[in-house]
Amino acid sequence: MVRTRPPLNPIRAFETAARHLSFTIAGEELGITQIAVSRQVRVLEEYLEVPLFERSHRSIKLTAEGARLFPAASRALDEINAAVASTSMRGRRDVLLVQTYSTFAQRWLIPRLWRFHQRLPTIEIRLSASVAPVDFERGQIHAAIQRRSALMERCDVDLLAPVELLPICSPSLINDGNKSSLADLLGRQTLLHSLARPHDWKLWLSSAGFKSVDPNHGMKFENSILAYEAALQGIGIAIGVRVLVEQYLRSGSMVAPFGPPLALDDGYYLLIPRGRKRPPALRHFRDWLVEEAAKTPF
């Protein structure tokens, strides 16, 4: 059985005219002439076989039938608009709030984000930086990239990069020599520390066997990116996380001559809280991050 539906364009013209009680204003809203609005309303009246407006020379008003139809027509058009808006991607931007560390954002994530934007330009990533553990309960954060924590038990987790420590410095600080000369260099030069990672020098020096070097001396900075900048300027030797300093090493702006990196039982993990509705954009972002992590040499 074929379903008979009332004509949609005439209903739209009627609803607009009824809302303004003016064919002229309705025409301005719809982008058509006042005569076209009147003609569309006539089509609907002929379809229904009842008058919907009482027309005078200068004004219109709803008939009893028009007053009965108007609220239903208005609700129906609002529902259609809402359904179209929720379905259409036209002009739509999905916003994802992501928290991570400033150094990870600057040295790993931001240099890659252009590829995500190129692939999915309708998804907007808003980054916030903090060393504090993410609070999914109080904040509106959709995902976080952080180190290992108890929070992982309540999240779906993907390892993006391991943590491997190695000292780095400007090539200008290094002369040819053997291991003992490197040990002397470590003892003479200023060690550059990140207060966000206060134990890294002690862990690496102990593992590498440089027992004569004081792991606490040197200059201390609020975060790793400041320590790396000081190393670039030749101020001293920074203890770097390999995945965050790889670009420095590849470009030759810094070197790591002091031995192999020390792998820690830690990493940078993507955390997405369980038990919360996830926008489709979050799945796309997660898939892209895992893909980018797979390209990173470790």
Protein backbone atom coordinates (compact mmCIF):
# COMPACT_ATOMS: atom_id res chain seq x y z
CA MET A 1 0.00 0.00 0.00
CA VAL A 2 1.45 3.39 -1.03
CA ARG A 3 1.62 5.91 1.82
CA THR A 4 0.25 9.34 0.92
CA ARG A 5 2.20 12.19 2.50
CA PRO A 6 1.20 15.85 2.55
CA PRO A 7 3.37 18.16 0.41
CA LEU A 8 6.41 19.22 2.43
CA ASN A 9 7.26 22.55 0.76
CA PRO A 10 3.71 23.92 1.17
CA ILE A 11 3.75 22.83 4.84
CA ARG A 12 7.04 24.69 5.32
CA ALA A 13 5.60 27.82 3.67
CA PHE A 14 2.47 27.55 5.84
CA GLU A 15 4.44 27.11 9.09
CA THR A 16 6.66 30.11 8.34
CA ALA A 17 3.72 32.33 7.39
CA ALA A 18 1.77 31.21 10.48
CA ARG A 19 4.74 31.95 12.73
CA HIS A 20 5.06 35.52 11.40
CA LEU A 21 1.40 36.05 10.38
CA SER A 22 2.85 37.59 7.25
CA PHE A 23 3.42 36.23 3.75
CA THR A 24 5.97 38.98 3.13
CA ILE A 25 8.17 38.18 6.16
CA ALA A 26 7.81 34.44 5.46
CA GLY A 27 9.08 35.05 1.93
CA GLU A 28 12.12 36.92 3.27
CA GLU A 29 12.95 34.01 5.62
CA LEU A 30 12.49 31.38 2.91
CA GLY A 31 14.22 33.37 0.19
CA ILE A 32 11.17 33.48 -2.09
CA THR A 33 8.58 36.10 -2.98
CA GLN A 34 5.44 36.89 -1.03
CA ILE A 35 3.40 35.69 -4.01
CA ALA A 36 5.26 32.35 -4.00
CA VAL A 37 4.50 31.87 -0.29
CA SER A 38 0.80 32.59 -0.91
CA ARG A 39 0.77 30.16 -3.81
CA GLN A 40 2.38 27.39 -1.70
CA VAL A 41 -0.19 27.92 1.06
CA ARG A 42 -2.98 27.67 -1.54
CA VAL A 43 -1.58 24.30 -2.65
CA LEU A 44 -1.79 23.02 0.93
CA GLU A 45 -5.30 24.39 1.42
CA GLU A 46 -6.44 22.66 -1.75
CA TYR A 47 -4.81 19.43 -0.57
CA LEU A 48 -6.55 19.64 2.82
CA GLU A 49 -9.78 21.11 1.38
CA VAL A 50 -9.96 23.65 4.21
CA PRO A 51 -8.87 27.32 4.48
CA LEU A 52 -5.88 27.88 6.77
CA PHE A 53 -5.80 31.69 6.78
CA GLU A 54 -8.33 34.46 6.77
CA ARG A 55 -6.94 36.98 4.30
CA SER A 56 -7.62 40.72 4.32
CA HIS A 57 -6.05 43.50 2.30
CA ARG A 58 -3.27 44.21 4.82
CA SER A 59 -3.11 41.20 7.16
CA ILE A 60 -3.71 37.49 7.61
CA LYS A 61 -4.82 35.42 10.58
CA LEU A 62 -5.17 31.71 11.18
CA THR A 63 -8.49 29.96 10.84
CA ALA A 64 -9.50 27.37 13.45
CA GLU A 65 -8.10 24.65 11.15
CA GLY A 66 -4.87 26.61 10.63
CA ALA A 67 -4.45 27.16 14.38
CA ARG A 68 -4.84 23.41 14.91
CA LEU A 69 -2.30 22.52 12.22
CA PHE A 70 0.36 25.11 13.06
CA PRO A 71 1.87 23.66 16.31
CA ALA A 72 1.99 20.14 14.85
CA ALA A 73 3.64 21.40 11.65
CA SER A 74 6.16 23.42 13.67
CA ARG A 75 7.11 20.41 15.84
CA ALA A 76 7.43 18.15 12.81
CA LEU A 77 9.74 20.57 10.99
CA ASP A 78 11.87 21.00 14.14
CA GLU A 79 12.23 17.20 14.39
CA ILE A 80 13.25 16.96 10.73
CA ASN A 81 15.83 19.72 11.20
CA ALA A 82 17.24 18.01 14.30
CA ALA A 83 17.46 14.63 12.56
CA VAL A 84 19.19 16.15 9.54
CA ALA A 85 21.65 18.04 11.75
CA SER A 86 22.55 14.92 13.74
CA THR A 87 23.07 12.89 10.55
CA SER A 88 24.80 15.36 8.26
CA MET A 89 28.55 16.03 8.34
CA ARG A 90 28.09 19.23 6.32
CA GLY A 91 29.78 22.11 8.11
CA ARG A 92 30.13 20.03 11.25
CA ARG A 93 33.17 19.95 13.52
CA ASP A 94 33.64 17.31 16.17
CA VAL A 95 35.75 18.55 19.08
CA LEU A 96 37.94 16.18 21.11
CA LEU A 97 39.60 17.33 24.34
CA VAL A 98 42.93 15.59 24.89
CA GLN A 99 45.30 16.03 27.83
CA THR A 100 49.00 15.16 27.77
CA TYR A 101 52.39 16.43 28.91
CA SER A 102 53.75 19.59 27.30
CA THR A 103 56.98 17.89 26.20
CA PHE A 104 55.18 14.91 24.66
CA ALA A 105 52.79 17.24 22.89
CA GLN A 106 55.58 19.43 21.53
CA ARG A 107 58.10 16.74 20.61
CA TRP A 108 55.85 13.87 19.45
CA LEU A 109 52.18 14.67 19.01
CA ILE A 110 52.08 18.15 17.47
CA PRO A 111 54.57 17.37 14.66
CA ARG A 112 52.22 14.56 13.56
CA LEU A 113 48.84 16.25 14.04
CA TRP A 114 48.82 17.79 10.56
CA ARG A 115 48.43 14.27 9.12
CA PHE A 116 45.36 13.67 11.27
CA HIS A 117 43.85 17.00 10.23
CA GLN A 118 44.58 16.21 6.60
CA ARG A 119 42.77 12.88 6.91
CA LEU A 120 39.81 14.07 9.02
CA PRO A 121 39.50 17.87 8.77
CA THR A 122 36.09 17.95 10.50
CA ILE A 123 37.58 16.70 13.80
CA GLU A 124 39.16 19.39 15.96
CA ILE A 125 41.73 18.29 18.56
CA ARG A 126 42.02 20.62 21.55
CA LEU A 127 45.18 19.88 23.53
CA SER A 128 45.75 20.75 27.17
CA ALA A 129 49.06 20.18 28.94
CA SER A 130 49.50 19.09 32.54
CA VAL A 131 51.81 16.85 34.54
CA ALA A 132 48.93 16.03 36.92
CA PRO A 133 47.03 12.77 36.42
CA VAL A 134 43.98 13.32 34.26
CA ASP A 135 40.66 13.59 36.10
CA PHE A 136 38.05 12.03 33.83
CA GLU A 137 35.39 12.32 36.53
CA ARG A 138 35.51 16.09 36.99
CA GLY A 139 36.75 17.26 33.60
CA GLN A 140 35.37 16.94 30.09
CA ILE A 141 38.53 15.29 28.77
CA HIS A 142 37.82 12.59 26.17
CA ALA A 143 41.29 10.99 26.21
CA ALA A 144 44.72 11.45 27.76
CA ILE A 145 48.27 10.45 26.91
CA GLN A 146 50.13 9.77 30.13
CA ARG A 147 52.65 7.49 31.80
CA ARG A 148 51.78 4.33 33.72
CA SER A 149 49.40 4.95 36.64
CA ALA A 150 46.64 3.34 38.70
CA LEU A 151 44.16 5.18 36.49
CA MET A 152 44.87 2.65 33.73
CA GLU A 153 42.73 0.06 35.52
CA ARG A 154 39.61 2.09 34.66
CA CYS A 155 40.58 2.85 31.07
CA ASP A 156 41.14 1.22 27.73
CA VAL A 157 44.86 1.53 27.16
CA ASP A 158 47.19 1.62 24.13
CA LEU A 159 50.97 1.87 24.43
CA LEU A 160 52.17 4.61 22.09
CA ALA A 161 55.87 4.72 23.01
CA PRO A 162 58.20 3.15 25.60
CA VAL A 163 60.37 5.27 27.89
CA GLU A 164 64.10 4.87 27.19
CA LEU A 165 66.62 7.22 28.81
CA LEU A 166 69.82 8.53 27.25
CA PRO A 167 71.99 11.60 27.82
CA ILE A 168 72.04 14.13 24.97
CA CYS A 169 74.04 17.24 24.29
CA SER A 170 75.21 19.64 21.63
CA PRO A 171 77.95 18.20 19.35
CA SER A 172 80.12 21.13 20.40
CA LEU A 173 80.57 19.57 23.86
CA ILE A 174 81.98 16.29 22.54
CA ASN A 175 85.57 15.53 21.57
CA ASP A 176 86.88 12.20 20.38
CA GLY A 177 87.85 9.97 23.28
CA ASN A 178 87.29 6.71 25.10
CA LYS A 179 84.79 5.85 27.80
CA SER A 180 86.90 7.31 30.55
CA SER A 181 86.99 10.67 28.77
CA LEU A 182 83.22 10.50 28.46
CA ALA A 183 83.00 9.84 32.18
CA ASP A 184 85.22 12.86 32.80
CA LEU A 185 82.97 14.90 30.50
CA LEU A 186 79.88 13.86 32.45
CA GLY A 187 81.62 14.86 35.65
CA ARG A 188 82.81 18.22 34.33
CA GLN A 189 79.73 19.34 32.43
CA THR A 190 76.50 20.64 33.93
CA LEU A 191 73.78 18.01 34.17
CA LEU A 192 70.40 19.34 33.06
CA HIS A 193 67.41 17.97 34.99
CA SER A 194 63.65 18.06 34.47
CA LEU A 195 61.71 18.45 37.71
CA ALA A 196 58.90 16.50 36.04
CA ARG A 197 61.29 13.51 35.82
CA PRO A 198 63.57 13.99 38.86
CA HIS A 199 65.04 10.46 39.03
CA ASP A 200 66.12 9.96 35.41
CA TRP A 201 69.78 10.91 35.83
CA LYS A 202 70.19 8.68 38.88
CA LEU A 203 68.64 5.71 37.08
CA TRP A 204 70.74 6.11 33.96
CA LEU A 205 74.07 6.79 35.72
CA SER A 206 73.61 3.77 37.98
CA SER A 207 72.76 1.53 35.02
CA ALA A 208 75.66 2.82 32.90
CA GLY A 209 78.18 2.40 35.71
CA PHE A 210 79.20 6.07 36.06
CA LYS A 211 79.43 5.87 39.85
CA SER A 212 81.70 8.90 40.25
CA VAL A 213 79.19 11.30 38.74
CA ASP A 214 76.87 13.07 41.20
CA PRO A 215 73.33 12.50 39.86
CA ASN A 216 71.97 15.51 41.75
CA HIS A 217 74.28 18.30 40.62
CA GLY A 218 73.49 20.65 37.78
CA MET A 219 70.60 22.86 36.67
CA LYS A 220 66.95 21.99 37.17
CA PHE A 221 64.06 23.00 34.93
CA GLU A 222 60.29 22.77 35.29
CA ASN A 223 59.91 20.34 32.40
CA SER A 224 61.94 18.34 29.92
CA ILE A 225 61.48 20.67 26.96
CA LEU A 226 63.31 23.42 28.87
CA ALA A 227 66.15 21.03 29.73
CA TYR A 228 66.39 19.99 26.06
CA GLU A 229 66.55 23.65 24.99
CA ALA A 230 69.39 24.27 27.44
CA ALA A 231 71.24 21.27 25.98
CA LEU A 232 70.72 22.64 22.45
CA GLN A 233 72.34 25.88 23.58
CA GLY A 234 75.42 23.98 24.80
CA ILE A 235 74.78 24.75 28.48
CA GLY A 236 75.19 21.13 29.56
CA ILE A 237 74.00 17.56 29.12
CA ALA A 238 70.32 16.66 29.42
CA ILE A 239 68.87 13.26 30.21
CA GLY A 240 66.42 12.63 27.39
CA VAL A 241 63.56 10.28 26.67
CA ARG A 242 64.50 8.66 23.38
CA VAL A 243 61.14 9.01 21.62
CA LEU A 244 61.09 12.72 22.50
CA VAL A 245 64.64 13.51 21.33
CA GLU A 246 64.75 11.32 18.22
CA GLN A 247 64.30 14.31 15.91
CA TYR A 248 67.22 16.14 17.53
CA LEU A 249 69.44 13.11 16.99
CA ARG A 250 68.33 12.51 13.40
CA SER A 251 68.95 16.14 12.48
CA GLY A 252 72.37 16.16 14.16
CA SER A 253 71.52 19.13 16.35
CA MET A 254 72.25 16.90 19.35
CA VAL A 255 74.21 13.71 19.91
CA ALA A 256 73.99 10.80 22.36
CA PRO A 257 77.54 9.37 22.66
CA PHE A 258 77.38 8.01 26.20
CA GLY A 259 76.15 4.50 25.54
CA PRO A 260 72.92 2.60 24.88
CA PRO A 261 69.59 3.87 26.23
CA LEU A 262 68.16 2.53 29.46
CA ALA A 263 64.69 1.00 28.95
CA LEU A 264 62.30 1.63 31.83
CA ASP A 265 59.19 -0.35 32.70
CA ASP A 266 57.11 2.62 31.63
CA GLY A 267 55.74 4.31 28.55
CA TYR A 268 53.37 6.86 27.09
CA TYR A 269 49.87 5.40 26.98
CA LEU A 270 46.64 6.53 25.39
CA LEU A 271 43.93 6.36 28.07
CA ILE A 272 40.22 6.36 27.21
CA PRO A 273 37.85 5.99 30.18
CA ARG A 274 35.47 3.05 30.22
CA GLY A 275 31.74 3.36 30.88
CA ARG A 276 31.31 6.66 29.07
CA LYS A 277 29.63 7.37 25.77
CA ARG A 278 32.30 7.84 23.12
CA PRO A 279 31.85 10.10 20.11
CA PRO A 280 32.74 8.47 16.76
CA ALA A 281 35.56 11.01 16.39
CA LEU A 282 37.32 9.43 19.38
CA ARG A 283 37.57 6.08 17.62
CA HIS A 284 39.09 7.77 14.57
CA PHE A 285 41.62 9.60 16.76
CA ARG A 286 42.55 6.42 18.63
CA ASP A 287 43.04 4.44 15.41
CA TRP A 288 45.21 7.20 13.96
CA LEU A 289 47.38 7.43 17.10
CA VAL A 290 48.00 3.67 17.13
CA GLU A 291 48.91 3.83 13.45
CA GLU A 292 51.37 6.69 14.05
CA ALA A 293 52.91 4.87 17.02
CA ALA A 294 53.51 1.81 14.84
CA LYS A 295 55.58 3.98 12.46
CA THR A 296 57.84 5.25 15.25
CA PRO A 297 61.18 3.40 15.41
CA PHE A 298 62.15 2.16 18.86
